[in-house]
PDB file of N, CA and C in Angstrom:
ATOM      1  N   MET A   1     -14.132   8.777  47.841  1.00  0.00           N
ATOM      2  CA  MET A   1     -15.542   8.189  47.442  1.00  0.00           C
ATOM      3  C   MET A   1     -14.564   7.531  46.306  1.00  0.00           C
ATOM      4  N   GLY A   2     -13.459   7.884  45.186  1.00  0.00           N
ATOM      5  CA  GLY A   2     -12.982   6.636  44.465  1.00  0.00           C
ATOM      6  C   GLY A   2     -12.732   5.522  44.936  1.00  0.00           C
ATOM      7  N   ILE A   3     -11.306   4.807  45.868  1.00  0.00           N
ATOM      8  CA  ILE A   3     -11.111   4.103  46.257  1.00  0.00           C
ATOM      9  C   ILE A   3     -12.206   3.455  46.264  1.00  0.00           C
ATOM     10  N   GLU A   4     -13.104   3.903  47.771  1.00  0.00           N
ATOM     11  CA  GLU A   4     -13.853   2.890  48.057  1.00  0.00           C
ATOM     12  C   GLU A   4     -15.028   2.417  46.730  1.00  0.00           C
ATOM     13  N   PHE A   5     -15.138   3.429  46.103  1.00  0.00           N
ATOM     14  CA  PHE A   5     -16.189   3.035  45.229  1.00  0.00           C
ATOM     15  C   PHE A   5     -15.520   1.698  43.847  1.00  0.00           C
ATOM     16  N   ALA A   6     -14.831   1.675  43.637  1.00  0.00           N
ATOM     17  CA  ALA A   6     -13.360   0.303  43.561  1.00  0.00           C
ATOM     18  C   ALA A   6     -13.356  -0.530  43.820  1.00  0.00           C
ATOM     19  N   GLY A   7     -13.839  -1.333  45.107  1.00  0.00           N
ATOM     20  CA  GLY A   7     -13.311  -1.979  45.754  1.00  0.00           C
ATOM     21  C   GLY A   7     -14.990  -2.676  45.500  1.00  0.00           C
ATOM     22  N   TYR A   8     -16.267  -2.026  46.001  1.00  0.00           N
ATOM     23  CA  TYR A   8     -17.219  -1.987  46.038  1.00  0.00           C
ATOM     24  C   TYR A   8     -17.930  -2.952  45.199  1.00  0.00           C
ATOM     25  N   PHE A   9     -16.944  -2.015  44.181  1.00  0.00           N
ATOM     26  CA  PHE A   9     -18.042  -2.369  42.619  1.00  0.00           C
ATOM     27  C   PHE A   9     -17.066  -3.567  42.127  1.00  0.00           C
ATOM     28  N   LEU A  10     -15.725  -4.409  42.499  1.00  0.00           N
ATOM     29  CA  LEU A  10     -15.008  -5.509  42.094  1.00  0.00           C
ATOM     30  C   LEU A  10     -15.618  -6.044  43.339  1.00  0.00           C
ATOM     31  N   LEU A  11     -15.885  -6.064  45.084  1.00  0.00           N
ATOM     32  CA  LEU A  11     -16.501  -6.698  45.020  1.00  0.00           C
ATOM     33  C   LEU A  11     -18.520  -7.672  44.681  1.00  0.00           C
ATOM     34  N   ALA A  12     -18.843  -6.489  44.174  1.00  0.00           N
ATOM     35  CA  ALA A  12     -19.945  -6.955  43.622  1.00  0.00           C
ATOM     36  C   ALA A  12     -20.425  -7.922  42.296  1.00  0.00           C
ATOM     37  N   LEU A  13     -19.132  -7.633  40.861  1.00  0.00           N
ATOM     38  CA  LEU A  13     -18.276  -8.242  40.624  1.00  0.00           C
ATOM     39  C   LEU A  13     -18.533  -9.653  40.797  1.00  0.00           C
ATOM     40  N   LEU A  14     -17.984 -10.599  42.192  1.00  0.00           N
ATOM     41  CA  LEU A  14     -17.024 -11.164  42.072  1.00  0.00           C
ATOM     42  C   LEU A  14     -18.355 -11.774  42.999  1.00  0.00           C
ATOM     43  N   ILE A  15     -19.037 -11.262  43.312  1.00  0.00           N
ATOM     44  CA  ILE A  15     -20.544 -12.080  43.854  1.00  0.00           C
ATOM     45  C   ILE A  15     -21.446 -12.055  43.371  1.00  0.00           C
ATOM     46  N   LEU A  16     -21.824 -11.571  41.989  1.00  0.00           N
ATOM     47  CA  LEU A  16     -21.791 -11.964  41.222  1.00  0.00           C
ATOM     48  C   LEU A  16     -21.944 -12.773  39.779  1.00  0.00           C
ATOM     49  N   PHE A  17     -20.335 -12.962  39.574  1.00  0.00           N
ATOM     50  CA  PHE A  17     -19.796 -13.792  38.842  1.00  0.00           C
ATOM     51  C   PHE A  17     -20.093 -15.637  40.299  1.00  0.00           C
ATOM     52  N   ILE A  18     -19.401 -14.971  41.311  1.00  0.00           N
ATOM     53  CA  ILE A  18     -20.246 -16.257  42.312  1.00  0.00           C
ATOM     54  C   ILE A  18     -22.082 -16.840  41.870  1.00  0.00           C
ATOM     55  N   ILE A  19     -22.613 -16.226  41.875  1.00  0.00           N
ATOM     56  CA  ILE A  19     -24.463 -16.250  41.739  1.00  0.00           C
ATOM     57  C   ILE A  19     -23.840 -17.280  39.947  1.00  0.00           C
ATOM     58  N   VAL A  20     -23.953 -16.256  39.021  1.00  0.00           N
ATOM     59  CA  VAL A  20     -23.700 -16.962  37.707  1.00  0.00           C
ATOM     60  C   VAL A  20     -23.411 -18.568  37.945  1.00  0.00           C
ATOM     61  N   LYS A  21     -22.986 -18.212  38.260  1.00  0.00           N
ATOM     62  CA  LYS A  21     -21.903 -19.759  38.092  1.00  0.00           C
ATOM     63  C   LYS A  21     -22.561 -21.003  39.238  1.00  0.00           C
ATOM     64  N   LEU A  22     -22.959 -20.564  40.280  1.00  0.00           N
ATOM     65  CA  LEU A  22     -23.967 -21.485  41.087  1.00  0.00           C
ATOM     66  C   LEU A  22     -25.198 -21.411  40.339  1.00  0.00           C
ATOM     67  N   PHE A  23     -25.333 -20.724  39.518  1.00  0.00           N
ATOM     68  CA  PHE A  23     -26.876 -21.112  39.084  1.00  0.00           C
ATOM     69  C   PHE A  23     -27.011 -22.024  37.609  1.00  0.00           C
ATOM     70  N   ALA A  24     -25.567 -21.308  37.319  1.00  0.00           N
ATOM     71  CA  ALA A  24     -25.859 -22.490  35.972  1.00  0.00           C
ATOM     72  C   ALA A  24     -25.412 -23.653  35.760  1.00  0.00           C
ATOM     73  N   TRP A  25     -24.181 -24.361  36.471  1.00  0.00           N
ATOM     74  CA  TRP A  25     -23.977 -25.560  37.189  1.00  0.00           C
ATOM     75  C   TRP A  25     -25.523 -26.451  37.219  1.00  0.00           C
ATOM     76  N   PRO A  26     -27.027 -26.394  37.377  1.00  0.00           N
ATOM     77  CA  PRO A  26     -27.576 -26.994  37.431  1.00  0.00           C
ATOM     78  C   PRO A  26     -28.233 -27.363  36.625  1.00  0.00           C
ATOM     79  N   ILE A  27     -28.519 -25.938  35.711  1.00  0.00           N
ATOM     80  CA  ILE A  27     -28.959 -25.786  34.183  1.00  0.00           C
ATOM     81  C   ILE A  27     -27.780 -27.075  33.125  1.00  0.00           C
ATOM     82  N   LYS A  28     -27.088 -26.341  32.965  1.00  0.00           N
ATOM     83  CA  LYS A  28     -26.094 -27.233  32.258  1.00  0.00           C
ATOM     84  C   LYS A  28     -26.116 -29.116  32.620  1.00  0.00           C
ATOM     85  N   ILE A  29     -26.597 -29.710  33.644  1.00  0.00           N
ATOM     86  CA  ILE A  29     -26.676 -30.706  33.762  1.00  0.00           C
ATOM     87  C   ILE A  29     -27.862 -31.467  33.191  1.00  0.00           C
ATOM     88  N   LEU A  30     -28.637 -30.385  33.087  1.00  0.00           N
ATOM     89  CA  LEU A  30     -30.737 -30.577  33.486  1.00  0.00           C
ATOM     90  C   LEU A  30     -30.353 -30.075  31.877  1.00  0.00           C
ATOM     91  N   PHE A  31     -29.882 -29.413  30.611  1.00  0.00           N
ATOM     92  CA  PHE A  31     -29.750 -29.087  29.249  1.00  0.00           C
ATOM     93  C   PHE A  31     -28.723 -30.543  28.854  1.00  0.00           C
ATOM     94  N   LYS A  32     -27.856 -31.690  30.140  1.00  0.00           N
ATOM     95  CA  LYS A  32     -26.792 -32.672  29.224  1.00  0.00           C
ATOM     96  C   LYS A  32     -27.608 -34.138  29.708  1.00  0.00           C
ATOM     97  N   LEU A  33     -28.880 -33.913  30.624  1.00  0.00           N
ATOM     98  CA  LEU A  33     -30.438 -34.927  31.105  1.00  0.00           C
ATOM     99  C   LEU A  33     -30.892 -34.442  29.484  1.00  0.00           C
ATOM    100  N   ILE A  34     -31.875 -33.707  28.810  1.00  0.00           N
ATOM    101  CA  ILE A  34     -32.922 -33.488  28.059  1.00  0.00           C
ATOM    102  C   ILE A  34     -31.872 -33.922  26.720  1.00  0.00           C
ATOM    103  N   VAL A  35     -30.412 -33.197  26.332  1.00  0.00           N
ATOM    104  CA  VAL A  35     -30.103 -33.505  24.874  1.00  0.00           C
ATOM    105  C   VAL A  35     -29.499 -35.114  24.719  1.00  0.00           C
ATOM    106  N   ASN A  36     -29.251 -36.004  26.130  1.00  0.00           N
ATOM    107  CA  ASN A  36     -29.189 -37.482  26.303  1.00  0.00           C
ATOM    108  C   ASN A  36     -30.488 -37.813  26.287  1.00  0.00           C
ATOM    109  N   GLY A  37     -31.809 -37.423  26.885  1.00  0.00           N
ATOM    110  CA  GLY A  37     -33.314 -38.595  26.319  1.00  0.00           C
ATOM    111  C   GLY A  37     -33.519 -38.251  25.265  1.00  0.00           C
ATOM    112  N   VAL A  38     -32.817 -36.977  24.528  1.00  0.00           N
ATOM    113  CA  VAL A  38     -33.877 -37.177  23.140  1.00  0.00           C
ATOM    114  C   VAL A  38     -32.526 -38.056  21.962  1.00  0.00           C
ATOM    115  N   LEU A  39     -31.884 -37.858  22.369  1.00  0.00           N
ATOM    116  CA  LEU A  39     -30.467 -39.257  21.725  1.00  0.00           C
ATOM    117  C   LEU A  39     -30.825 -40.546  21.712  1.00  0.00           C
ATOM    118  N   GLY A  40     -31.417 -40.680  23.615  1.00  0.00           N
ATOM    119  CA  GLY A  40     -32.211 -42.049  23.695  1.00  0.00           C
ATOM    120  C   GLY A  40     -33.034 -42.151  22.901  1.00  0.00           C
ATOM    121  N   ALA A  41     -34.106 -41.316  22.647  1.00  0.00           N
ATOM    122  CA  ALA A  41     -35.051 -41.396  21.970  1.00  0.00           C
ATOM    123  C   ALA A  41     -34.198 -42.170  20.696  1.00  0.00           C
ATOM    124  N   MET A  42     -33.662 -41.226  19.938  1.00  0.00           N
ATOM    125  CA  MET A  42     -33.660 -41.531  18.549  1.00  0.00           C
ATOM    126  C   MET A  42     -32.925 -42.904  18.263  1.00  0.00           C
ATOM    127  N   LEU A  43     -32.239 -43.684  19.548  1.00  0.00           N
ATOM    128  CA  LEU A  43     -31.752 -44.972  19.826  1.00  0.00           C
ATOM    129  C   LEU A  43     -32.695 -45.531  19.302  1.00  0.00           C
ATOM    130  N   LEU A  44     -33.575 -45.372  20.508  1.00  0.00           N
ATOM    131  CA  LEU A  44     -34.515 -46.444  20.807  1.00  0.00           C
ATOM    132  C   LEU A  44     -35.533 -46.540  19.512  1.00  0.00           C
ATOM    133  N   PHE A  45     -35.841 -45.703  18.729  1.00  0.00           N
ATOM    134  CA  PHE A  45     -36.587 -45.549  17.350  1.00  0.00           C
ATOM    135  C   PHE A  45     -35.425 -46.392  16.633  1.00  0.00           C
ATOM    136  N   LEU A  46     -34.078 -46.084  16.170  1.00  0.00           N
ATOM    137  CA  LEU A  46     -33.661 -47.116  14.879  1.00  0.00           C
ATOM    138  C   LEU A  46     -33.535 -48.310  15.876  1.00  0.00           C
ATOM    139  N   VAL A  47     -33.358 -49.011  17.286  1.00  0.00           N
ATOM    140  CA  VAL A  47     -33.723 -50.144  17.781  1.00  0.00           C
ATOM    141  C   VAL A  47     -35.063 -50.917  16.939  1.00  0.00           C
ATOM    142  N   ASN A  48     -36.313 -50.251  17.506  1.00  0.00           N
ATOM    143  CA  ASN A  48     -37.476 -50.525  17.103  1.00  0.00           C
ATOM    144  C   ASN A  48     -37.378 -50.430  15.292  1.00  0.00           C
ATOM    145  N   LEU A  49     -37.253 -49.999  15.160  1.00  0.00           N
ATOM    146  CA  LEU A  49     -36.909 -50.108  13.304  1.00  0.00           C
ATOM    147  C   LEU A  49     -36.176 -51.530  13.295  1.00  0.00           C
ATOM    148  N   VAL A  50     -35.037 -51.409  13.798  1.00  0.00           N
ATOM    149  CA  VAL A  50     -34.886 -53.263  12.844  1.00  0.00           C
ATOM    150  C   VAL A  50     -35.167 -54.130  14.317  1.00  0.00           C
ATOM    151  N   GLY A  51     -35.320 -53.553  14.639  1.00  0.00           N
ATOM    152  CA  GLY A  51     -36.224 -55.183  15.605  1.00  0.00           C
ATOM    153  C   GLY A  51     -37.629 -55.554  15.520  1.00  0.00           C
ATOM    154  N   ALA A  52     -37.755 -54.365  14.511  1.00  0.00           N
ATOM    155  CA  ALA A  52     -39.095 -54.349  13.968  1.00  0.00           C
ATOM    156  C   ALA A  52     -39.702 -55.548  13.375  1.00  0.00           C
ATOM    157  N   SER A  53     -38.548 -56.168  12.520  1.00  0.00           N
ATOM    158  CA  SER A  53     -38.606 -57.320  11.889  1.00  0.00           C
ATOM    159  C   SER A  53     -37.923 -58.992  12.634  1.00  0.00           C
ATOM    160  N   PHE A  54     -37.463 -58.445  13.883  1.00  0.00           N
ATOM    161  CA  PHE A  54     -37.643 -59.568  14.537  1.00  0.00           C
ATOM    162  C   PHE A  54     -38.645 -59.393  16.070  1.00  0.00           C
ATOM    163  N   GLY A  55     -39.446 -58.427  15.871  1.00  0.00           N
ATOM    164  CA  GLY A  55     -40.870 -58.861  16.128  1.00  0.00           C
ATOM    165  C   GLY A  55     -40.324 -58.230  18.030  1.00  0.00           C
ATOM    166  N   LEU A  56     -39.388 -57.397  18.134  1.00  0.00           N
ATOM    167  CA  LEU A  56     -38.432 -56.634  19.132  1.00  0.00           C
ATOM    168  C   LEU A  56     -39.163 -55.649  19.099  1.00  0.00           C
ATOM    169  N   ALA A  57     -40.140 -54.307  20.266  1.00  0.00           N
ATOM    170  CA  ALA A  57     -40.050 -53.292  19.883  1.00  0.00           C
ATOM    171  C   ALA A  57     -40.159 -53.145  21.458  1.00  0.00           C
ATOM    172  N   ILE A  58     -39.121 -51.641  21.352  1.00  0.00           N
ATOM    173  CA  ILE A  58     -39.622 -51.146  22.850  1.00  0.00           C
ATOM    174  C   ILE A  58     -40.278 -49.869  22.891  1.00  0.00           C
ATOM    175  N   GLY A  59     -41.349 -49.714  24.487  1.00  0.00           N
ATOM    176  CA  GLY A  59     -41.590 -48.624  23.916  1.00  0.00           C
ATOM    177  C   GLY A  59     -40.736 -47.666  24.595  1.00  0.00           C
ATOM    178  N   ILE A  60     -41.371 -46.283  23.588  1.00  0.00           N
ATOM    179  CA  ILE A  60     -40.519 -45.332  23.524  1.00  0.00           C
ATOM    180  C   ILE A  60     -40.866 -44.269  24.663  1.00  0.00           C
ATOM    181  N   ASN A  61     -40.750 -43.813  25.973  1.00  0.00           N
ATOM    182  CA  ASN A  61     -41.535 -43.231  27.192  1.00  0.00           C
ATOM    183  C   ASN A  61     -40.403 -42.670  27.660  1.00  0.00           C
ATOM    184  N   ALA A  62     -40.491 -41.684  28.290  1.00  0.00           N
ATOM    185  CA  ALA A  62     -39.760 -40.940  29.092  1.00  0.00           C
ATOM    186  C   ALA A  62     -38.463 -41.602  29.947  1.00  0.00           C
ATOM    187  N   VAL A  63     -39.322 -42.263  30.700  1.00  0.00           N
ATOM    188  CA  VAL A  63     -38.027 -43.372  31.365  1.00  0.00           C
ATOM    189  C   VAL A  63     -36.858 -44.589  30.327  1.00  0.00           C
ATOM    190  N   THR A  64     -37.452 -45.047  29.414  1.00  0.00           N
ATOM    191  CA  THR A  64     -37.148 -45.558  28.272  1.00  0.00           C
ATOM    192  C   THR A  64     -35.525 -44.682  28.305  1.00  0.00           C
ATOM    193  N   ALA A  65     -36.628 -43.562  27.130  1.00  0.00           N
ATOM    194  CA  ALA A  65     -35.414 -42.206  27.088  1.00  0.00           C
ATOM    195  C   ALA A  65     -34.254 -41.604  27.800  1.00  0.00           C
ATOM    196  N   LEU A  66     -35.175 -42.374  28.811  1.00  0.00           N
ATOM    197  CA  LEU A  66     -33.984 -41.805  29.715  1.00  0.00           C
ATOM    198  C   LEU A  66     -32.711 -42.340  29.943  1.00  0.00           C
ATOM    199  N   ILE A  67     -33.360 -43.586  30.703  1.00  0.00           N
ATOM    200  CA  ILE A  67     -32.893 -45.249  30.576  1.00  0.00           C
ATOM    201  C   ILE A  67     -31.388 -44.963  29.426  1.00  0.00           C
ATOM    202  N   ALA A  68     -31.666 -45.301  27.806  1.00  0.00           N
ATOM    203  CA  ALA A  68     -30.610 -45.024  27.013  1.00  0.00           C
ATOM    204  C   ALA A  68     -30.363 -42.997  26.255  1.00  0.00           C
ATOM    205  N   GLY A  69     -30.452 -42.196  27.305  1.00  0.00           N
ATOM    206  CA  GLY A  69     -29.992 -41.613  26.935  1.00  0.00           C
ATOM    207  C   GLY A  69     -28.887 -41.244  28.191  1.00  0.00           C
ATOM    208  N   PHE A  70     -29.105 -41.420  29.473  1.00  0.00           N
ATOM    209  CA  PHE A  70     -27.901 -41.918  30.017  1.00  0.00           C
ATOM    210  C   PHE A  70     -27.141 -42.856  30.835  1.00  0.00           C
ATOM    211  N   PHE A  71     -27.470 -43.316  30.445  1.00  0.00           N
ATOM    212  CA  PHE A  71     -26.492 -44.847  29.576  1.00  0.00           C
ATOM    213  C   PHE A  71     -25.849 -44.933  28.318  1.00  0.00           C
ATOM    214  N   GLY A  72     -26.461 -44.488  27.758  1.00  0.00           N
ATOM    215  CA  GLY A  72     -26.445 -44.684  26.076  1.00  0.00           C
ATOM    216  C   GLY A  72     -26.557 -46.265  25.665  1.00  0.00           C
ATOM    217  N   VAL A  73     -24.834 -46.104  24.854  1.00  0.00           N
ATOM    218  CA  VAL A  73     -25.819 -47.784  24.133  1.00  0.00           C
ATOM    219  C   VAL A  73     -25.773 -49.129  24.985  1.00  0.00           C
ATOM    220  N   PRO A  74     -25.167 -48.868  26.712  1.00  0.00           N
ATOM    221  CA  PRO A  74     -25.104 -50.508  27.517  1.00  0.00           C
ATOM    222  C   PRO A  74     -26.633 -49.882  27.998  1.00  0.00           C
ATOM    223  N   GLY A  75     -27.566 -48.681  28.260  1.00  0.00           N
ATOM    224  CA  GLY A  75     -28.242 -48.929  28.287  1.00  0.00           C
ATOM    225  C   GLY A  75     -29.285 -49.403  27.545  1.00  0.00           C
ATOM    226  N   VAL A  76     -29.357 -48.936  26.527  1.00  0.00           N
ATOM    227  CA  VAL A  76     -30.268 -49.672  25.309  1.00  0.00           C
ATOM    228  C   VAL A  76     -29.832 -51.432  25.266  1.00  0.00           C
ATOM    229  N   ILE A  77     -28.923 -51.670  25.453  1.00  0.00           N
ATOM    230  CA  ILE A  77     -28.767 -53.158  25.648  1.00  0.00           C
ATOM    231  C   ILE A  77     -29.249 -53.636  26.780  1.00  0.00           C
ATOM    232  N   PHE A  78     -29.525 -52.857  27.814  1.00  0.00           N
ATOM    233  CA  PHE A  78     -30.358 -53.612  29.141  1.00  0.00           C
ATOM    234  C   PHE A  78     -31.280 -53.212  28.601  1.00  0.00           C
ATOM    235  N   LEU A  79     -32.142 -52.131  27.917  1.00  0.00           N
ATOM    236  CA  LEU A  79     -33.398 -52.778  28.090  1.00  0.00           C
ATOM    237  C   LEU A  79     -34.131 -53.052  26.569  1.00  0.00           C
ATOM    238  N   ILE A  80     -33.054 -54.067  26.346  1.00  0.00           N
ATOM    239  CA  ILE A  80     -33.560 -55.424  24.535  1.00  0.00           C
ATOM    240  C   ILE A  80     -33.267 -56.074  26.220  1.00  0.00           C
ATOM    241  N   ILE A  81     -32.580 -56.377  26.455  1.00  0.00           N
ATOM    242  CA  ILE A  81     -32.592 -57.411  27.348  1.00  0.00           C
ATOM    243  C   ILE A  81     -33.540 -57.855  28.441  1.00  0.00           C
ATOM    244  N   PHE A  82     -33.898 -56.887  28.731  1.00  0.00           N
ATOM    245  CA  PHE A  82     -35.441 -56.278  29.709  1.00  0.00           C
ATOM    246  C   PHE A  82     -36.563 -56.707  28.816  1.00  0.00           C
ATOM    247  N   LYS A  83     -36.716 -56.457  27.664  1.00  0.00           N
ATOM    248  CA  LYS A  83     -37.308 -56.665  26.854  1.00  0.00           C
ATOM    249  C   LYS A  83     -37.423 -58.352  26.536  1.00  0.00           C
ATOM    250  N   LEU A  84     -36.233 -58.420  26.240  1.00  0.00           N
ATOM    251  CA  LEU A  84     -36.564 -60.120  25.410  1.00  0.00           C
ATOM    252  C   LEU A  84     -37.209 -61.245  26.930  1.00  0.00           C
ATOM    253  N   PHE A  85     -36.659 -60.878  28.163  1.00  0.00           N
ATOM    254  CA  PHE A  85     -36.741 -61.748  29.150  1.00  0.00           C
ATOM    255  C   PHE A  85     -38.054 -61.592  30.255  1.00  0.00           C
ATOM    256  N   LEU A  86     -38.670 -60.636  29.883  1.00  0.00           N
ATOM    257  CA  LEU A  86     -39.475 -60.142  31.102  1.00  0.00           C
ATOM    258  C   LEU A  86     -40.475 -59.673  29.704  1.00  0.00           C
TER     259      LEU A  86
END
């Protein structure tokens, strides 16, 4: 009973480890997107703060925050260029 029990215990630990790894990966990606979205919104706020004196304002919503958060500074530059030309 001792050897079989130890084998089943190790197999259960291995399966539990695999399941935790599979579920942790999407949560990490979701968390990273949320953090990047918040940072993008803060960067857009700074652009709006500075751009107010030049008549430039970019609306802060979920789409613009995720573009700025996902692409970072190039995303914000894209949004500024998009706002200037359209």
